[in-house]
Amino acid sequence: MIPRLLAGRDRLSQVEKDDILASVLAGVSPPRSRVRWWMGFVPAVALTIAIVVLAPWRSTAPTSELAARGGGQPFAVFQPSCAGGCERGHKILFDLHGTSGYRYFAAFSKRPDGTVLWYFPDQGQDASVDLVTQPQDGVLDRSIVLGADHPAGVYRVHGVFSREPLTREMIRAAFDETTLSVGPGTQVVVHELVVR
């Protein structure tokens, strides 16, 4: 009001206009906060911690994108099962999904009376099954039909995995039931199968 009296006019002075504009802008604009600099500070601290913690563990040796990951040890897995139940006339299937590091597979079982029944290699083959030629789903493309040679009982099915092809004679000569091995580069896995 004083600037109006001094100017001798009955309208708003420039000082009053500036005060009004400042009060309107103060009511409309968001209050300035000191938190903004924290928004950049927190990610910078997290990045620094990550670099300090992870950098010493990184190897300086050159790596390949195709390098193997995990343990380099071979792993033998198989599961015998029967399509439609383990009864005479049904088939035993061999699921080898998860096996790695072994190329060949042979299988036989022992009946409750101790008789050995050979599955692979069969009489028409002279060596174990080459897994490279098998389907990618892990189920062996060969099966065994339960016949008269499989009376009811519990069978111990032995899966013999190897890096080299094996004949029945080689397996018989080197099979060690206590260590479940047929020599270096082999592994034997045993499962029970109940035939009804």
N, C-alpha and C. Protein backbone atom coordinates (compact mmCIF):
# COMPACT_ATOMS: atom_id res chain seq x y z
N MET A 1 0.81 -1.18 0.00
CA MET A 1 0.00 0.00 0.00
C MET A 1 0.87 1.27 0.00
N ILE A 2 1.97 1.24 0.70
CA ILE A 2 2.85 2.40 0.76
C ILE A 2 3.41 2.73 -0.60
N PRO A 3 3.85 1.70 -1.41
CA PRO A 3 4.37 2.05 -2.73
C PRO A 3 3.31 2.76 -3.58
N ARG A 4 1.99 2.46 -3.41
CA ARG A 4 0.94 3.14 -4.18
C ARG A 4 0.84 4.60 -3.78
N LEU A 5 0.91 4.82 -2.49
CA LEU A 5 0.81 6.19 -2.01
C LEU A 5 2.00 7.02 -2.49
N LEU A 6 3.16 6.40 -2.47
CA LEU A 6 4.34 7.12 -2.92
C LEU A 6 4.31 7.37 -4.42
N ALA A 7 3.75 6.45 -5.18
CA ALA A 7 3.69 6.60 -6.63
C ALA A 7 2.57 7.56 -7.02
N GLY A 8 1.60 7.75 -6.17
CA GLY A 8 0.47 8.62 -6.46
C GLY A 8 -0.51 8.01 -7.41
N ARG A 9 -0.54 6.74 -7.50
CA ARG A 9 -1.48 6.06 -8.40
C ARG A 9 -2.27 5.05 -7.61
N ASP A 10 -3.47 4.78 -8.12
CA ASP A 10 -4.31 3.81 -7.43
C ASP A 10 -4.29 2.45 -8.15
N ARG A 11 -3.17 1.93 -8.44
CA ARG A 11 -3.03 0.59 -9.02
C ARG A 11 -1.82 -0.09 -8.41
N LEU A 12 -1.69 -1.38 -8.73
CA LEU A 12 -0.62 -2.16 -8.13
C LEU A 12 0.74 -1.68 -8.65
N SER A 13 1.66 -1.59 -7.72
CA SER A 13 3.02 -1.22 -8.10
C SER A 13 3.77 -2.47 -8.55
N GLN A 14 4.92 -2.28 -9.13
CA GLN A 14 5.74 -3.41 -9.59
C GLN A 14 6.17 -4.27 -8.42
N VAL A 15 6.44 -3.69 -7.29
CA VAL A 15 6.86 -4.44 -6.12
C VAL A 15 5.72 -5.33 -5.64
N GLU A 16 4.48 -4.79 -5.64
CA GLU A 16 3.33 -5.57 -5.23
C GLU A 16 3.07 -6.71 -6.22
N LYS A 17 3.24 -6.44 -7.50
CA LYS A 17 3.06 -7.49 -8.52
C LYS A 17 4.08 -8.61 -8.31
N ASP A 18 5.33 -8.24 -8.02
CA ASP A 18 6.37 -9.25 -7.79
C ASP A 18 6.06 -10.08 -6.54
N ASP A 19 5.55 -9.44 -5.48
CA ASP A 19 5.19 -10.16 -4.26
C ASP A 19 4.04 -11.13 -4.50
N ILE A 20 3.04 -10.70 -5.26
CA ILE A 20 1.89 -11.57 -5.56
C ILE A 20 2.36 -12.78 -6.38
N LEU A 21 3.18 -12.53 -7.41
CA LEU A 21 3.68 -13.62 -8.25
C LEU A 21 4.50 -14.62 -7.41
N ALA A 22 5.32 -14.11 -6.53
CA ALA A 22 6.13 -14.99 -5.68
C ALA A 22 5.26 -15.84 -4.76
N SER A 23 4.21 -15.23 -4.18
CA SER A 23 3.33 -16.01 -3.29
C SER A 23 2.53 -17.05 -4.07
N VAL A 24 2.10 -16.73 -5.29
CA VAL A 24 1.36 -17.70 -6.12
C VAL A 24 2.29 -18.85 -6.51
N LEU A 25 3.47 -18.53 -6.97
CA LEU A 25 4.41 -19.58 -7.35
C LEU A 25 4.81 -20.45 -6.16
N ALA A 26 4.94 -19.86 -4.99
CA ALA A 26 5.29 -20.63 -3.80
C ALA A 26 4.17 -21.61 -3.44
N GLY A 27 2.94 -21.24 -3.69
CA GLY A 27 1.82 -22.13 -3.39
C GLY A 27 1.62 -23.21 -4.43
N VAL A 28 2.07 -22.99 -5.66
CA VAL A 28 1.86 -23.94 -6.75
C VAL A 28 3.04 -24.89 -6.93
N SER A 29 4.26 -24.42 -6.86
CA SER A 29 5.43 -25.26 -7.12
C SER A 29 5.72 -26.15 -5.91
N PRO A 30 6.27 -27.37 -6.15
CA PRO A 30 6.59 -28.25 -5.03
C PRO A 30 7.75 -27.68 -4.22
N PRO A 31 7.74 -27.95 -2.94
CA PRO A 31 8.81 -27.42 -2.11
C PRO A 31 10.14 -28.07 -2.47
N ARG A 32 11.19 -27.30 -2.47
CA ARG A 32 12.51 -27.83 -2.75
C ARG A 32 12.97 -28.67 -1.57
N SER A 33 13.56 -29.77 -1.92
CA SER A 33 13.98 -30.68 -0.87
C SER A 33 15.45 -30.99 -1.03
N ARG A 34 16.08 -31.29 0.07
CA ARG A 34 17.49 -31.64 0.04
C ARG A 34 17.68 -33.13 -0.23
N VAL A 35 16.59 -33.87 -0.42
CA VAL A 35 16.67 -35.31 -0.63
C VAL A 35 17.16 -35.64 -2.03
N ARG A 36 17.07 -34.73 -2.98
CA ARG A 36 17.44 -35.03 -4.37
C ARG A 36 18.88 -35.53 -4.51
N TRP A 37 19.78 -34.96 -3.79
CA TRP A 37 21.17 -35.40 -3.94
C TRP A 37 21.35 -36.81 -3.42
N TRP A 38 20.48 -37.27 -2.50
CA TRP A 38 20.54 -38.64 -2.00
C TRP A 38 20.17 -39.62 -3.10
N MET A 39 19.31 -39.20 -4.01
CA MET A 39 18.88 -40.09 -5.09
C MET A 39 20.07 -40.52 -5.96
N GLY A 40 21.04 -39.69 -6.11
CA GLY A 40 22.24 -40.06 -6.86
C GLY A 40 23.31 -40.69 -5.99
N PHE A 41 23.29 -40.36 -4.71
CA PHE A 41 24.31 -40.85 -3.79
C PHE A 41 24.13 -42.33 -3.48
N VAL A 42 22.90 -42.78 -3.26
CA VAL A 42 22.64 -44.18 -2.89
C VAL A 42 23.08 -45.15 -4.00
N PRO A 43 22.69 -44.95 -5.28
CA PRO A 43 23.20 -45.87 -6.32
C PRO A 43 24.72 -45.84 -6.46
N ALA A 44 25.33 -44.66 -6.26
CA ALA A 44 26.79 -44.57 -6.37
C ALA A 44 27.46 -45.40 -5.27
N VAL A 45 26.94 -45.35 -4.06
CA VAL A 45 27.50 -46.14 -2.96
C VAL A 45 27.31 -47.63 -3.24
N ALA A 46 26.13 -48.04 -3.73
CA ALA A 46 25.87 -49.44 -4.03
C ALA A 46 26.82 -49.95 -5.12
N LEU A 47 27.04 -49.15 -6.14
CA LEU A 47 27.95 -49.53 -7.22
C LEU A 47 29.38 -49.67 -6.69
N THR A 48 29.81 -48.77 -5.85
CA THR A 48 31.15 -48.83 -5.27
C THR A 48 31.33 -50.10 -4.44
N ILE A 49 30.33 -50.42 -3.63
CA ILE A 49 30.41 -51.63 -2.81
C ILE A 49 30.48 -52.87 -3.70
N ALA A 50 29.67 -52.90 -4.75
CA ALA A 50 29.68 -54.06 -5.65
C ALA A 50 31.04 -54.22 -6.31
N ILE A 51 31.64 -53.14 -6.72
CA ILE A 51 32.95 -53.23 -7.37
C ILE A 51 34.01 -53.71 -6.38
N VAL A 52 33.97 -53.18 -5.16
CA VAL A 52 34.96 -53.57 -4.16
C VAL A 52 34.81 -55.03 -3.77
N VAL A 53 33.57 -55.51 -3.66
CA VAL A 53 33.33 -56.89 -3.22
C VAL A 53 33.58 -57.88 -4.35
N LEU A 54 33.12 -57.58 -5.55
CA LEU A 54 33.20 -58.55 -6.64
C LEU A 54 34.51 -58.49 -7.42
N ALA A 55 35.15 -57.38 -7.51
CA ALA A 55 36.35 -57.25 -8.34
C ALA A 55 37.46 -58.21 -7.94
N PRO A 56 37.78 -58.39 -6.66
CA PRO A 56 38.88 -59.31 -6.34
C PRO A 56 38.61 -60.75 -6.74
N TRP A 57 37.36 -61.15 -6.87
CA TRP A 57 37.02 -62.54 -7.18
C TRP A 57 37.05 -62.82 -8.67
N ARG A 58 37.09 -61.80 -9.47
CA ARG A 58 37.09 -62.02 -10.91
C ARG A 58 38.46 -62.53 -11.35
N SER A 59 38.43 -63.52 -12.21
CA SER A 59 39.67 -64.09 -12.71
C SER A 59 40.20 -63.23 -13.85
N THR A 60 41.51 -63.15 -13.96
CA THR A 60 42.11 -62.42 -15.07
C THR A 60 42.40 -63.36 -16.24
N ALA A 61 42.16 -64.65 -16.05
CA ALA A 61 42.41 -65.61 -17.12
C ALA A 61 41.36 -65.43 -18.20
N PRO A 62 41.75 -65.57 -19.47
CA PRO A 62 40.77 -65.43 -20.54
C PRO A 62 39.74 -66.55 -20.46
N THR A 63 38.49 -66.21 -20.71
CA THR A 63 37.41 -67.20 -20.67
C THR A 63 36.73 -67.26 -22.02
N SER A 64 36.13 -68.37 -22.28
CA SER A 64 35.39 -68.56 -23.51
C SER A 64 33.91 -68.63 -23.19
N GLU A 65 33.09 -68.12 -24.10
CA GLU A 65 31.65 -68.21 -23.87
C GLU A 65 31.17 -69.66 -23.96
N LEU A 66 31.95 -70.52 -24.57
CA LEU A 66 31.57 -71.92 -24.74
C LEU A 66 32.22 -72.81 -23.69
N ALA A 67 32.79 -72.23 -22.65
CA ALA A 67 33.45 -73.03 -21.62
C ALA A 67 32.41 -73.79 -20.80
N ALA A 68 32.78 -74.98 -20.36
CA ALA A 68 31.88 -75.80 -19.55
C ALA A 68 31.70 -75.17 -18.18
N ARG A 69 30.50 -75.25 -17.66
CA ARG A 69 30.21 -74.71 -16.34
C ARG A 69 29.96 -75.86 -15.38
N GLY A 70 30.23 -75.66 -14.11
CA GLY A 70 29.98 -76.69 -13.12
C GLY A 70 31.11 -77.69 -13.08
N GLY A 71 30.88 -78.77 -12.37
CA GLY A 71 31.89 -79.81 -12.22
C GLY A 71 32.12 -80.53 -13.54
N GLY A 72 33.33 -80.92 -13.77
CA GLY A 72 33.66 -81.62 -14.99
C GLY A 72 33.57 -83.13 -14.86
N GLN A 73 33.08 -83.62 -13.74
CA GLN A 73 33.00 -85.06 -13.51
C GLN A 73 31.83 -85.66 -14.26
N PRO A 74 32.00 -86.86 -14.81
CA PRO A 74 30.88 -87.53 -15.46
C PRO A 74 29.79 -87.88 -14.44
N PHE A 75 28.57 -87.94 -14.91
CA PHE A 75 27.42 -88.19 -14.03
C PHE A 75 26.52 -89.24 -14.68
N ALA A 76 26.27 -90.34 -13.97
CA ALA A 76 25.47 -91.44 -14.50
C ALA A 76 24.11 -91.50 -13.81
N VAL A 77 23.05 -91.47 -14.60
CA VAL A 77 21.69 -91.53 -14.07
C VAL A 77 20.87 -92.44 -14.98
N PHE A 78 20.12 -93.35 -14.37
CA PHE A 78 19.15 -94.10 -15.16
C PHE A 78 18.04 -94.57 -14.23
N GLN A 79 16.87 -94.75 -14.81
CA GLN A 79 15.72 -95.21 -14.04
C GLN A 79 14.97 -96.24 -14.89
N PRO A 80 14.96 -97.51 -14.46
CA PRO A 80 14.14 -98.48 -15.19
C PRO A 80 12.70 -98.38 -14.71
N SER A 81 11.77 -98.48 -15.63
CA SER A 81 10.35 -98.48 -15.27
C SER A 81 9.59 -99.28 -16.31
N CYS A 82 8.38 -99.66 -15.96
CA CYS A 82 7.58 -100.47 -16.87
C CYS A 82 6.41 -99.66 -17.42
N ALA A 83 6.20 -99.79 -18.70
CA ALA A 83 5.06 -99.14 -19.33
C ALA A 83 3.81 -99.94 -18.97
N GLY A 84 2.91 -99.34 -18.21
CA GLY A 84 1.67 -100.02 -17.84
C GLY A 84 1.81 -100.96 -16.66
N GLY A 85 2.90 -100.88 -15.92
CA GLY A 85 3.10 -101.77 -14.76
C GLY A 85 4.02 -102.92 -15.12
N CYS A 86 4.77 -103.38 -14.16
CA CYS A 86 5.75 -104.44 -14.41
C CYS A 86 5.10 -105.82 -14.30
N GLU A 87 4.46 -106.23 -15.37
CA GLU A 87 3.82 -107.54 -15.45
C GLU A 87 4.25 -108.21 -16.75
N ARG A 88 4.09 -109.51 -16.81
CA ARG A 88 4.48 -110.26 -18.00
C ARG A 88 3.81 -109.67 -19.25
N GLY A 89 4.62 -109.48 -20.28
CA GLY A 89 4.14 -108.91 -21.53
C GLY A 89 4.35 -107.40 -21.63
N HIS A 90 4.63 -106.74 -20.52
CA HIS A 90 4.89 -105.30 -20.54
C HIS A 90 6.38 -105.05 -20.78
N LYS A 91 6.71 -103.79 -21.09
CA LYS A 91 8.09 -103.44 -21.43
C LYS A 91 8.79 -102.69 -20.30
N ILE A 92 10.08 -102.98 -20.14
CA ILE A 92 10.94 -102.19 -19.26
C ILE A 92 11.56 -101.08 -20.11
N LEU A 93 11.36 -99.84 -19.67
CA LEU A 93 11.96 -98.69 -20.34
C LEU A 93 13.13 -98.19 -19.50
N PHE A 94 14.12 -97.60 -20.16
CA PHE A 94 15.31 -97.10 -19.49
C PHE A 94 15.43 -95.60 -19.73
N ASP A 95 15.21 -94.81 -18.68
CA ASP A 95 15.31 -93.35 -18.76
C ASP A 95 16.71 -92.95 -18.29
N LEU A 96 17.50 -92.39 -19.20
CA LEU A 96 18.88 -92.01 -18.91
C LEU A 96 19.04 -90.49 -18.83
N HIS A 97 17.92 -89.76 -18.70
CA HIS A 97 17.96 -88.30 -18.68
C HIS A 97 18.82 -87.80 -17.51
N GLY A 98 19.76 -86.91 -17.79
CA GLY A 98 20.65 -86.36 -16.77
C GLY A 98 22.05 -86.94 -16.81
N THR A 99 22.24 -87.98 -17.60
CA THR A 99 23.57 -88.58 -17.72
C THR A 99 24.47 -87.65 -18.53
N SER A 100 25.70 -87.46 -18.05
CA SER A 100 26.65 -86.66 -18.81
C SER A 100 28.05 -87.23 -18.60
N GLY A 101 28.86 -87.14 -19.64
CA GLY A 101 30.25 -87.59 -19.54
C GLY A 101 30.46 -89.05 -19.91
N TYR A 102 29.40 -89.81 -20.08
CA TYR A 102 29.51 -91.21 -20.50
C TYR A 102 28.87 -91.37 -21.87
N ARG A 103 29.50 -92.18 -22.70
CA ARG A 103 28.98 -92.35 -24.06
C ARG A 103 28.26 -93.69 -24.25
N TYR A 104 28.57 -94.69 -23.44
CA TYR A 104 28.03 -96.03 -23.66
C TYR A 104 27.24 -96.52 -22.44
N PHE A 105 26.26 -97.37 -22.73
CA PHE A 105 25.39 -97.89 -21.67
C PHE A 105 25.15 -99.38 -21.90
N ALA A 106 25.28 -100.15 -20.85
CA ALA A 106 24.94 -101.57 -20.86
C ALA A 106 24.04 -101.82 -19.65
N ALA A 107 23.22 -102.87 -19.70
CA ALA A 107 22.34 -103.15 -18.56
C ALA A 107 22.09 -104.64 -18.44
N PHE A 108 21.99 -105.07 -17.18
CA PHE A 108 21.60 -106.44 -16.88
C PHE A 108 20.91 -106.43 -15.53
N SER A 109 20.21 -107.50 -15.23
CA SER A 109 19.58 -107.60 -13.91
C SER A 109 19.88 -108.96 -13.31
N LYS A 110 19.68 -109.03 -12.02
CA LYS A 110 19.82 -110.30 -11.31
C LYS A 110 18.46 -110.67 -10.75
N ARG A 111 18.04 -111.88 -11.06
CA ARG A 111 16.78 -112.37 -10.51
C ARG A 111 16.97 -112.70 -9.04
N PRO A 112 15.87 -112.87 -8.30
CA PRO A 112 15.99 -113.23 -6.88
C PRO A 112 16.80 -114.51 -6.65
N ASP A 113 16.81 -115.43 -7.63
CA ASP A 113 17.58 -116.67 -7.46
C ASP A 113 19.05 -116.51 -7.88
N GLY A 114 19.47 -115.28 -8.29
CA GLY A 114 20.86 -115.03 -8.65
C GLY A 114 21.14 -115.12 -10.14
N THR A 115 20.19 -115.55 -10.96
CA THR A 115 20.39 -115.65 -12.41
C THR A 115 20.55 -114.26 -13.01
N VAL A 116 21.53 -114.09 -13.90
CA VAL A 116 21.77 -112.81 -14.57
C VAL A 116 21.02 -112.80 -15.90
N LEU A 117 20.26 -111.72 -16.13
CA LEU A 117 19.53 -111.50 -17.39
C LEU A 117 20.15 -110.29 -18.08
N TRP A 118 20.72 -110.52 -19.26
CA TRP A 118 21.35 -109.43 -20.01
C TRP A 118 20.31 -108.67 -20.83
N TYR A 119 20.39 -107.33 -20.78
CA TYR A 119 19.52 -106.49 -21.60
C TYR A 119 20.31 -105.86 -22.75
N PHE A 120 21.41 -105.20 -22.41
CA PHE A 120 22.27 -104.57 -23.42
C PHE A 120 23.71 -104.82 -23.01
N PRO A 121 24.59 -105.24 -23.82
CA PRO A 121 24.34 -105.59 -25.21
C PRO A 121 23.57 -106.90 -25.32
N ASP A 122 22.67 -106.92 -26.28
CA ASP A 122 21.93 -108.17 -26.48
C ASP A 122 22.75 -109.10 -27.37
N GLN A 123 22.21 -110.25 -27.69
CA GLN A 123 23.00 -111.23 -28.45
C GLN A 123 23.36 -110.75 -29.84
N GLY A 124 22.51 -109.87 -30.42
CA GLY A 124 22.79 -109.37 -31.76
C GLY A 124 23.85 -108.28 -31.77
N GLN A 125 24.21 -107.76 -30.61
CA GLN A 125 25.22 -106.71 -30.54
C GLN A 125 26.45 -107.27 -29.86
N ASP A 126 27.59 -106.70 -30.21
CA ASP A 126 28.78 -107.14 -29.51
C ASP A 126 29.31 -106.05 -28.58
N ALA A 127 28.63 -104.91 -28.47
CA ALA A 127 29.09 -103.85 -27.57
C ALA A 127 27.89 -103.11 -26.98
N SER A 128 28.18 -102.33 -25.96
CA SER A 128 27.13 -101.58 -25.27
C SER A 128 26.51 -100.53 -26.20
N VAL A 129 25.37 -99.97 -25.78
CA VAL A 129 24.61 -99.02 -26.59
C VAL A 129 25.33 -97.68 -26.63
N ASP A 130 25.48 -97.13 -27.83
CA ASP A 130 26.11 -95.81 -28.01
C ASP A 130 25.06 -94.74 -27.74
N LEU A 131 25.25 -93.94 -26.69
CA LEU A 131 24.25 -92.95 -26.29
C LEU A 131 24.19 -91.75 -27.21
N VAL A 132 25.21 -91.55 -28.04
CA VAL A 132 25.20 -90.43 -28.98
C VAL A 132 24.08 -90.59 -29.99
N THR A 133 23.74 -91.83 -30.31
CA THR A 133 22.71 -92.09 -31.32
C THR A 133 21.30 -92.14 -30.72
N GLN A 134 21.16 -91.89 -29.43
CA GLN A 134 19.86 -92.02 -28.76
C GLN A 134 19.08 -90.70 -28.80
N PRO A 135 17.75 -90.79 -28.61
CA PRO A 135 16.92 -89.57 -28.62
C PRO A 135 17.32 -88.60 -27.51
N GLN A 136 17.06 -87.32 -27.74
CA GLN A 136 17.43 -86.28 -26.79
C GLN A 136 16.57 -86.26 -25.54
N ASP A 137 15.42 -86.94 -25.54
CA ASP A 137 14.55 -86.91 -24.35
C ASP A 137 15.09 -87.78 -23.22
N GLY A 138 16.15 -88.56 -23.49
CA GLY A 138 16.78 -89.34 -22.44
C GLY A 138 16.27 -90.77 -22.32
N VAL A 139 15.14 -91.10 -22.94
CA VAL A 139 14.61 -92.46 -22.85
C VAL A 139 15.25 -93.28 -23.97
N LEU A 140 15.86 -94.39 -23.58
CA LEU A 140 16.53 -95.27 -24.54
C LEU A 140 15.53 -95.75 -25.59
N ASP A 141 15.95 -95.81 -26.83
CA ASP A 141 15.02 -96.21 -27.89
C ASP A 141 14.83 -97.72 -27.97
N ARG A 142 15.34 -98.44 -26.99
CA ARG A 142 15.17 -99.89 -26.91
C ARG A 142 14.50 -100.23 -25.59
N SER A 143 13.72 -101.27 -25.60
CA SER A 143 13.06 -101.71 -24.37
C SER A 143 13.17 -103.23 -24.27
N ILE A 144 12.84 -103.75 -23.10
CA ILE A 144 12.89 -105.19 -22.84
C ILE A 144 11.48 -105.65 -22.50
N VAL A 145 11.00 -106.66 -23.19
CA VAL A 145 9.67 -107.22 -22.91
C VAL A 145 9.81 -108.25 -21.79
N LEU A 146 8.97 -108.09 -20.76
CA LEU A 146 8.98 -109.05 -19.64
C LEU A 146 8.33 -110.34 -20.09
N GLY A 147 9.12 -111.40 -20.11
CA GLY A 147 8.61 -112.69 -20.55
C GLY A 147 8.72 -113.73 -19.45
N ALA A 148 8.77 -115.00 -19.86
CA ALA A 148 8.85 -116.11 -18.91
C ALA A 148 10.14 -116.09 -18.10
N ASP A 149 11.17 -115.44 -18.64
CA ASP A 149 12.44 -115.37 -17.91
C ASP A 149 12.40 -114.34 -16.78
N HIS A 150 11.27 -113.63 -16.62
CA HIS A 150 11.09 -112.65 -15.55
C HIS A 150 9.93 -113.06 -14.64
N PRO A 151 10.09 -114.11 -13.82
CA PRO A 151 9.01 -114.45 -12.90
C PRO A 151 8.86 -113.34 -11.85
N ALA A 152 7.74 -113.35 -11.17
CA ALA A 152 7.48 -112.31 -10.15
C ALA A 152 8.59 -112.28 -9.12
N GLY A 153 8.96 -111.06 -8.71
CA GLY A 153 10.00 -110.90 -7.69
C GLY A 153 10.68 -109.55 -7.81
N VAL A 154 11.68 -109.35 -6.97
CA VAL A 154 12.43 -108.09 -6.96
C VAL A 154 13.74 -108.31 -7.72
N TYR A 155 13.99 -107.48 -8.72
CA TYR A 155 15.18 -107.58 -9.55
C TYR A 155 16.11 -106.40 -9.25
N ARG A 156 17.39 -106.68 -9.21
CA ARG A 156 18.39 -105.61 -9.08
C ARG A 156 18.90 -105.33 -10.49
N VAL A 157 18.50 -104.17 -11.04
CA VAL A 157 18.87 -103.80 -12.41
C VAL A 157 20.14 -102.95 -12.33
N HIS A 158 21.18 -103.40 -13.05
CA HIS A 158 22.48 -102.71 -13.07
C HIS A 158 22.62 -101.97 -14.40
N GLY A 159 22.85 -100.66 -14.31
CA GLY A 159 23.17 -99.85 -15.50
C GLY A 159 24.66 -99.59 -15.49
N VAL A 160 25.36 -99.98 -16.55
CA VAL A 160 26.81 -99.84 -16.65
C VAL A 160 27.11 -98.72 -17.64
N PHE A 161 27.66 -97.62 -17.14
CA PHE A 161 28.02 -96.48 -17.97
C PHE A 161 29.52 -96.49 -18.20
N SER A 162 29.94 -96.19 -19.42
CA SER A 162 31.37 -96.21 -19.74
C SER A 162 31.68 -95.19 -20.82
N ARG A 163 32.97 -94.88 -20.91
CA ARG A 163 33.43 -93.97 -21.96
C ARG A 163 33.81 -94.72 -23.22
N GLU A 164 34.06 -96.02 -23.06
CA GLU A 164 34.43 -96.89 -24.19
C GLU A 164 33.39 -98.00 -24.30
N PRO A 165 33.17 -98.54 -25.50
CA PRO A 165 32.20 -99.64 -25.63
C PRO A 165 32.68 -100.89 -24.90
N LEU A 166 31.74 -101.59 -24.27
CA LEU A 166 32.05 -102.80 -23.52
C LEU A 166 31.22 -103.96 -24.04
N THR A 167 31.84 -105.14 -24.05
CA THR A 167 31.12 -106.36 -24.41
C THR A 167 30.66 -107.02 -23.11
N ARG A 168 29.81 -108.03 -23.24
CA ARG A 168 29.37 -108.79 -22.06
C ARG A 168 30.57 -109.41 -21.35
N GLU A 169 31.48 -109.95 -22.13
CA GLU A 169 32.65 -110.60 -21.56
C GLU A 169 33.51 -109.62 -20.77
N MET A 170 33.69 -108.40 -21.31
CA MET A 170 34.48 -107.38 -20.62
C MET A 170 33.82 -106.99 -19.29
N ILE A 171 32.50 -106.88 -19.31
CA ILE A 171 31.78 -106.51 -18.09
C ILE A 171 31.88 -107.64 -17.06
N ARG A 172 31.65 -108.89 -17.50
CA ARG A 172 31.76 -110.03 -16.57
C ARG A 172 33.14 -110.11 -15.93
N ALA A 173 34.18 -109.91 -16.73
CA ALA A 173 35.55 -110.06 -16.25
C ALA A 173 35.95 -108.97 -15.25
N ALA A 174 35.44 -107.75 -15.42
CA ALA A 174 35.91 -106.63 -14.59
C ALA A 174 34.88 -106.15 -13.57
N PHE A 175 33.66 -106.70 -13.56
CA PHE A 175 32.61 -106.20 -12.68
C PHE A 175 32.96 -106.43 -11.21
N ASP A 176 32.89 -105.35 -10.42
CA ASP A 176 33.14 -105.41 -8.98
C ASP A 176 31.89 -104.90 -8.28
N GLU A 177 31.15 -105.80 -7.66
CA GLU A 177 29.87 -105.43 -7.05
C GLU A 177 30.05 -104.56 -5.81
N THR A 178 31.20 -104.65 -5.14
CA THR A 178 31.39 -103.84 -3.93
C THR A 178 31.66 -102.38 -4.26
N THR A 179 32.41 -102.11 -5.32
CA THR A 179 32.71 -100.72 -5.71
C THR A 179 31.80 -100.22 -6.82
N LEU A 180 30.93 -101.10 -7.34
CA LEU A 180 30.04 -100.77 -8.46
C LEU A 180 30.83 -100.13 -9.59
N SER A 181 31.77 -100.90 -10.10
CA SER A 181 32.64 -100.43 -11.17
C SER A 181 33.00 -101.59 -12.08
N VAL A 182 33.35 -101.24 -13.31
CA VAL A 182 33.87 -102.20 -14.26
C VAL A 182 35.25 -101.73 -14.72
N GLY A 183 35.88 -100.95 -13.86
CA GLY A 183 37.22 -100.45 -14.17
C GLY A 183 37.20 -98.93 -14.35
N PRO A 184 38.36 -98.37 -14.71
CA PRO A 184 38.47 -96.92 -14.89
C PRO A 184 37.55 -96.43 -16.01
N GLY A 185 36.98 -95.24 -15.81
CA GLY A 185 36.10 -94.66 -16.83
C GLY A 185 34.72 -95.28 -16.87
N THR A 186 34.34 -95.99 -15.80
CA THR A 186 33.01 -96.61 -15.76
C THR A 186 32.31 -96.28 -14.46
N GLN A 187 31.01 -96.43 -14.47
CA GLN A 187 30.22 -96.31 -13.25
C GLN A 187 29.01 -97.22 -13.39
N VAL A 188 28.67 -97.90 -12.29
CA VAL A 188 27.51 -98.80 -12.29
C VAL A 188 26.48 -98.22 -11.33
N VAL A 189 25.24 -98.11 -11.82
CA VAL A 189 24.13 -97.62 -11.00
C VAL A 189 23.14 -98.77 -10.87
N VAL A 190 22.63 -99.00 -9.65
CA VAL A 190 21.74 -100.13 -9.41
C VAL A 190 20.38 -99.62 -8.93
N HIS A 191 19.30 -100.19 -9.49
CA HIS A 191 17.93 -99.89 -9.06
C HIS A 191 17.18 -101.20 -8.89
N GLU A 192 16.21 -101.18 -8.01
CA GLU A 192 15.35 -102.35 -7.85
C GLU A 192 14.10 -102.19 -8.70
N LEU A 193 13.66 -103.29 -9.26
CA LEU A 193 12.47 -103.32 -10.10
C LEU A 193 11.61 -104.49 -9.61
N VAL A 194 10.37 -104.20 -9.30
CA VAL A 194 9.47 -105.24 -8.80
C VAL A 194 8.59 -105.73 -9.94
N VAL A 195 8.71 -107.01 -10.25
CA VAL A 195 7.88 -107.62 -11.30
C VAL A 195 6.78 -108.39 -10.61
N ARG A 196 5.56 -108.19 -11.04
CA ARG A 196 4.37 -108.85 -10.41
C ARG A 196 3.87 -109.97 -11.27
